[in-house]
Each structure stands twice: as C-alpha cells, then as structure tokens.
Amino acid sequence: MIAWASADILDEVPDHPRVVANFARKYGGFDVTTESYSGPLVLLRLTITRWLLDGSAQ
C-alpha cells in the first residue's frame, strides 16, 4: 500500500504541546523541543490525497 500526500512543515514544535507530551510519553521522556545533532526537529502534517492499493489508485 502506498499513499500520496501533501506535507506542511510545522517548524515551531513547542507550539504543539499535545504532540510534545505524546512523544515524551511514548519514547520515555524524549524531548522533541531540543535540537538533535543535525539541527532542530520539525513536525510534518501529512494530508493523504490518494491511496494506491495493489498498484491501482483508490
């Protein structure tokens, strides 16, 4: 199964406290608001526009 999607970058992670809290809970306190070795983390909002099932558009 493959999905086609458009993506919006939400680069102000602290502006989304529910997401920050869910990451911390799921990953044992992981703080998504701190920078990683490769730079700041961003959130992506994906909007599925089409599903491809068994090689055909649905």
Protein backbone atom coordinates (compact mmCIF):
# COMPACT_ATOMS: atom_id res chain seq x y z
CA MET A 1 0.00 0.00 0.00
CA ILE A 2 1.33 3.42 -0.95
CA ALA A 3 -0.08 6.83 -0.11
CA TRP A 4 0.34 10.10 -1.96
CA ALA A 5 0.26 13.07 0.37
CA SER A 6 0.96 16.76 0.67
CA ALA A 7 3.11 17.90 3.58
CA ASP A 8 3.10 21.04 5.70
CA ILE A 9 6.16 21.78 7.84
CA LEU A 10 5.27 22.87 11.37
CA ASP A 11 8.68 24.16 12.47
CA GLU A 12 7.56 25.56 15.83
CA VAL A 13 7.38 22.28 17.73
CA PRO A 14 6.76 23.90 21.18
CA ASP A 15 3.57 25.45 19.74
CA HIS A 16 2.06 21.94 19.72
CA PRO A 17 2.15 20.87 23.41
CA ARG A 18 -0.02 17.76 22.93
CA VAL A 19 2.40 16.39 20.34
CA VAL A 20 5.40 17.17 22.58
CA ALA A 21 3.72 15.39 25.53
CA ASN A 22 2.76 12.36 23.42
CA PHE A 23 6.34 11.94 22.14
CA ALA A 24 7.67 12.19 25.71
CA ARG A 25 5.18 9.58 26.94
CA LYS A 26 5.70 7.18 24.03
CA TYR A 27 9.51 7.42 23.95
CA GLY A 28 10.32 7.51 27.67
CA GLY A 29 10.82 11.23 28.18
CA PHE A 30 12.26 12.05 24.73
CA ASP A 31 12.18 15.84 24.41
CA VAL A 32 11.31 16.82 20.83
CA THR A 33 11.89 20.50 21.64
CA THR A 34 15.69 20.08 21.92
CA GLU A 35 17.93 20.21 18.88
CA SER A 36 19.45 17.00 17.60
CA TYR A 37 22.98 16.71 16.26
CA SER A 38 21.64 17.55 12.79
CA GLY A 39 19.63 20.62 13.83
CA PRO A 40 16.17 21.43 15.14
CA LEU A 41 13.37 18.91 14.76
CA VAL A 42 10.23 19.80 12.83
CA LEU A 43 6.76 18.32 12.69
CA LEU A 44 5.19 17.36 9.39
CA ARG A 45 1.43 17.39 8.86
CA LEU A 46 0.65 14.92 6.10
CA THR A 47 -2.62 15.09 4.23
CA ILE A 48 -3.29 11.90 2.28
CA THR A 49 -4.56 12.74 -1.19
CA ARG A 50 -4.64 9.28 -2.73
CA TRP A 51 -4.13 5.65 -1.72
CA LEU A 52 -2.54 3.19 -4.13
CA LEU A 53 -3.68 -0.34 -3.36
CA ASP A 54 -2.38 -3.28 -5.39
CA GLY A 55 -0.89 -0.85 -7.93
CA SER A 56 -4.12 0.98 -8.74
CA ALA A 57 -5.37 4.36 -7.50
CA GLN A 58 -8.21 4.27 -4.97
